[in-house]
Amino acid sequence: MFDWLLSEHHAIAILKKDHETVKDLFDQFEKAEKTAAKEKIVTQALNELKLHAAIEEEIFYPTVRAHVGSKVMNEADEEHHVARVLIAELDRDGDEYGHREAKFTVLAENVRHHIREEESDMLPKAKELDIDFEALGQRMLDRKADLTKNGFSPDTEHRMVSKAGGKGDSPAAAAANHTRAAASRRSAAKGPTKTAQGRTRKTTSRSKD
């Protein structure tokens, strides 16, 4: 409540501004029609999400964890992990397979959910803390500037995705293709259909006549 009164250097104001930035990018993606426009939005959104995740995980979350409580914070950790896996796959694969747009849409849905959880539960609880949120916010802004200048180190999820294999289908697409191939093999193993078998018998009978 009354967050519009917060200084732009207040830690919570910084996080909420980030939230608005990525939600706007998600909205732009949904409205975009050309592939090039969508790719530009994806690239910008992934960068914003990585910056945001870094300042939360490295600075904000450790500061507020004890007060907010392990249940809320553990869920936030897991939501970050899921988002980072999707980000890592999007970083790896470029636009070489058809699941890319679906993957980004799922990422957007997960992040929107995460934002709602943070803004309705975590941030109000964190705001109760008697700490210098301005100083905390400045640390977050400094870290953002450093990452923007020097880039990101590979995180656990990027290393995991890289180890899983090279470019090509996403795991979800590969699983779907495997399921379809297995169904096709089972169908082939059953042999010709009754109709086809009937035609074969009739052809054989006419040949004997």
Protein backbone atom coordinates (compact mmCIF):
# COMPACT_ATOMS: atom_id res chain seq x y z
CA MET A 1 0.00 0.00 0.00
CA PHE A 2 1.20 3.50 -0.88
CA ASP A 3 4.23 2.04 -2.65
CA TRP A 4 4.03 4.99 -5.04
CA LEU A 5 5.43 7.05 -2.15
CA LEU A 6 8.63 4.98 -2.08
CA SER A 7 11.87 6.43 -3.40
CA GLU A 8 13.10 5.00 -6.69
CA HIS A 9 16.13 3.73 -4.76
CA HIS A 10 13.98 1.80 -2.27
CA ALA A 11 14.63 -1.94 -2.68
CA ILE A 12 10.95 -2.84 -2.97
CA ALA A 13 10.30 -0.05 -5.47
CA ILE A 14 13.16 -1.38 -7.60
CA LEU A 15 11.72 -4.90 -7.62
CA LYS A 16 8.23 -3.68 -8.48
CA LYS A 17 9.57 -1.54 -11.31
CA ASP A 18 11.31 -4.64 -12.68
CA HIS A 19 8.01 -6.52 -12.42
CA GLU A 20 6.23 -3.91 -14.49
CA THR A 21 9.01 -3.95 -17.09
CA VAL A 22 8.84 -7.69 -17.70
CA LYS A 23 5.02 -7.80 -17.64
CA ASP A 24 4.99 -5.10 -20.32
CA LEU A 25 7.42 -7.18 -22.41
CA PHE A 26 5.19 -10.23 -22.05
CA ASP A 27 2.22 -8.16 -23.24
CA GLN A 28 4.24 -6.91 -26.21
CA PHE A 29 5.18 -10.47 -27.12
CA GLU A 30 1.54 -11.57 -27.15
CA LYS A 31 0.65 -8.73 -29.52
CA ALA A 32 3.65 -9.11 -31.83
CA GLU A 33 3.04 -10.89 -35.14
CA LYS A 34 6.41 -11.02 -36.87
CA THR A 35 9.09 -13.47 -35.75
CA ALA A 36 11.82 -10.83 -35.74
CA ALA A 37 9.80 -8.61 -33.40
CA LYS A 38 9.10 -11.53 -31.07
CA GLU A 39 12.78 -12.50 -30.99
CA LYS A 40 13.79 -8.96 -30.06
CA ILE A 41 11.30 -9.01 -27.16
CA VAL A 42 12.48 -12.45 -26.01
CA THR A 43 16.10 -11.29 -25.91
CA GLN A 44 15.21 -8.19 -23.90
CA ALA A 45 12.95 -10.08 -21.52
CA LEU A 46 15.56 -12.78 -20.80
CA ASN A 47 18.14 -10.14 -19.97
CA GLU A 48 15.72 -8.31 -17.65
CA LEU A 49 14.76 -11.56 -15.92
CA LYS A 50 18.38 -12.58 -15.36
CA LEU A 51 19.24 -9.18 -13.87
CA HIS A 52 16.18 -9.28 -11.64
CA ALA A 53 16.80 -12.84 -10.46
CA ALA A 54 20.41 -12.02 -9.63
CA ILE A 55 19.67 -9.05 -7.37
CA GLU A 56 16.89 -10.96 -5.64
CA GLU A 57 18.88 -14.14 -5.04
CA GLU A 58 22.15 -12.45 -4.12
CA ILE A 59 20.92 -9.48 -2.11
CA PHE A 60 17.20 -9.16 -1.40
CA TYR A 61 16.23 -12.74 -0.54
CA PRO A 62 19.06 -13.33 1.98
CA THR A 63 18.18 -10.05 3.71
CA VAL A 64 14.48 -10.80 4.19
CA ARG A 65 14.43 -14.63 4.39
CA ALA A 66 14.43 -14.98 8.18
CA HIS A 67 11.60 -12.49 8.65
CA VAL A 68 9.42 -13.60 5.73
CA GLY A 69 9.74 -17.29 6.62
CA SER A 70 11.08 -20.41 4.97
CA LYS A 71 7.79 -21.52 3.39
CA VAL A 72 7.37 -18.40 1.26
CA MET A 73 11.07 -18.09 0.51
CA ASN A 74 11.53 -21.76 -0.43
CA GLU A 75 8.65 -21.52 -2.90
CA ALA A 76 10.25 -18.41 -4.39
CA ASP A 77 13.55 -20.31 -4.75
CA GLU A 78 11.81 -23.13 -6.61
CA GLU A 79 9.95 -20.71 -8.88
CA HIS A 80 13.26 -19.06 -9.73
CA HIS A 81 14.76 -22.46 -10.54
CA VAL A 82 11.93 -23.34 -12.94
CA ALA A 83 12.23 -19.95 -14.64
CA ARG A 84 16.02 -20.28 -14.92
CA VAL A 85 15.73 -23.67 -16.64
CA LEU A 86 13.39 -22.20 -19.25
CA ILE A 87 15.67 -19.17 -19.64
CA ALA A 88 18.69 -21.44 -20.12
CA GLU A 89 16.91 -23.45 -22.82
CA LEU A 90 15.81 -20.27 -24.59
CA ASP A 91 19.37 -18.94 -24.40
CA ARG A 92 20.71 -22.19 -25.85
CA ASP A 93 18.36 -22.94 -28.69
CA GLY A 94 17.85 -19.73 -30.60
CA ASP A 95 14.85 -19.93 -32.94
CA GLU A 96 15.64 -23.34 -34.40
CA TYR A 97 12.60 -25.29 -33.24
CA GLY A 98 8.86 -24.84 -33.07
CA HIS A 99 8.53 -25.05 -29.31
CA ARG A 100 10.37 -21.76 -28.71
CA GLU A 101 7.28 -19.57 -28.72
CA ALA A 102 5.46 -22.03 -26.46
CA LYS A 103 8.41 -22.12 -24.09
CA PHE A 104 8.51 -18.35 -23.76
CA THR A 105 4.74 -18.27 -23.19
CA VAL A 106 5.12 -20.81 -20.36
CA LEU A 107 7.97 -18.75 -18.92
CA ALA A 108 5.76 -15.65 -18.98
CA GLU A 109 2.93 -17.49 -17.21
CA ASN A 110 5.29 -18.75 -14.51
CA VAL A 111 6.86 -15.34 -13.97
CA ARG A 112 3.47 -13.63 -13.77
CA HIS A 113 2.46 -16.13 -11.08
CA HIS A 114 5.72 -15.51 -9.24
CA ILE A 115 5.16 -11.76 -9.36
CA ARG A 116 1.66 -12.11 -7.89
CA GLU A 117 3.02 -14.26 -5.08
CA GLU A 118 5.81 -11.81 -4.29
CA GLU A 119 3.67 -8.71 -4.36
CA SER A 120 0.81 -10.18 -2.34
CA ASP A 121 2.84 -12.02 0.29
CA MET A 122 6.62 -11.67 0.34
CA LEU A 123 7.08 -7.95 -0.25
CA PRO A 124 4.45 -6.79 2.29
CA LYS A 125 6.11 -8.99 4.93
CA ALA A 126 9.58 -7.83 3.95
CA LYS A 127 8.47 -4.21 4.24
CA GLU A 128 7.85 -4.76 7.96
CA LEU A 129 11.58 -5.05 8.54
CA ASP A 130 13.32 -2.15 10.25
CA ILE A 131 16.22 -1.87 7.82
CA ASP A 132 17.63 0.74 5.47
CA PHE A 133 15.79 -0.17 2.28
CA GLU A 134 17.44 2.72 0.47
CA ALA A 135 20.92 1.34 1.15
CA LEU A 136 19.73 -2.13 0.20
CA GLY A 137 18.30 -0.75 -3.01
CA GLN A 138 21.55 0.98 -3.87
CA ARG A 139 23.40 -2.32 -3.50
CA MET A 140 20.91 -3.89 -5.89
CA LEU A 141 21.32 -1.10 -8.44
CA ASP A 142 25.11 -1.34 -8.20
CA ARG A 143 24.94 -5.08 -8.81
CA LYS A 144 22.69 -4.55 -11.81
CA ALA A 145 25.18 -2.08 -13.26
CA ASP A 146 28.03 -4.53 -12.71
CA LEU A 147 26.18 -7.38 -14.43
CA THR A 148 25.16 -5.13 -17.31
CA LYS A 149 28.78 -4.14 -17.83
CA ASN A 150 30.50 -7.48 -17.25
CA GLY A 151 27.86 -10.04 -18.12
CA PHE A 152 26.53 -13.11 -16.34
CA SER A 153 28.44 -16.12 -15.11
CA PRO A 154 26.85 -19.48 -16.02
CA ASP A 155 24.38 -20.51 -13.34
CA THR A 156 23.51 -24.07 -12.31
CA GLU A 157 20.58 -24.25 -14.72
CA HIS A 158 22.62 -23.08 -17.72
CA ARG A 159 25.32 -25.65 -16.93
CA MET A 160 22.67 -28.35 -16.56
CA VAL A 161 21.03 -27.52 -19.90
CA SER A 162 24.42 -27.29 -21.61
CA LYS A 163 25.41 -30.71 -20.25
CA ALA A 164 22.13 -32.24 -21.42
CA GLY A 165 23.01 -31.76 -25.07
CA GLY A 166 23.46 -29.45 -27.99
CA LYS A 167 20.99 -27.47 -29.98
CA GLY A 168 17.84 -28.96 -31.41
CA ASP A 169 14.51 -29.91 -29.91
CA SER A 170 13.72 -28.86 -26.38
CA PRO A 171 13.21 -31.72 -23.89
CA ALA A 172 9.46 -31.15 -24.15
CA ALA A 173 9.51 -31.32 -27.95
CA ALA A 174 11.80 -34.34 -27.88
CA ALA A 175 9.45 -36.11 -25.47
CA ALA A 176 6.45 -35.36 -27.68
CA ASN A 177 8.29 -36.64 -30.75
CA HIS A 178 9.30 -39.81 -28.88
CA THR A 179 5.68 -40.44 -27.84
CA ARG A 180 4.44 -40.02 -31.40
CA ALA A 181 7.17 -42.30 -32.76
CA ALA A 182 6.37 -44.97 -30.17
CA ALA A 183 2.66 -44.83 -31.07
CA SER A 184 3.54 -45.17 -34.74
CA ARG A 185 5.70 -48.23 -34.04
CA ARG A 186 2.93 -49.87 -32.00
CA SER A 187 0.46 -49.24 -34.81
CA ALA A 188 2.83 -50.71 -37.40
CA ALA A 189 3.48 -53.78 -35.23
CA LYS A 190 -0.23 -54.67 -35.24
CA GLY A 191 -0.08 -55.31 -38.99
CA PRO A 192 -2.64 -54.36 -41.66
CA THR A 193 -6.12 -53.30 -40.65
CA LYS A 194 -9.10 -55.63 -41.02
CA THR A 195 -10.19 -53.79 -44.16
CA ALA A 196 -6.77 -54.14 -45.69
CA GLN A 197 -6.65 -57.83 -44.73
CA GLY A 198 -10.07 -58.37 -46.33
CA ARG A 199 -8.91 -56.80 -49.57
CA THR A 200 -5.86 -59.05 -49.53
CA ARG A 201 -7.97 -62.19 -49.13
CA LYS A 202 -10.34 -61.14 -51.92
CA THR A 203 -7.45 -60.43 -54.27
CA THR A 204 -5.92 -63.82 -53.51
CA SER A 205 -9.26 -65.57 -54.15
CA ARG A 206 -9.73 -63.89 -57.54
CA SER A 207 -6.22 -64.86 -58.53
CA LYS A 208 -6.99 -68.54 -57.90
CA ASP A 209 -10.16 -68.36 -60.07
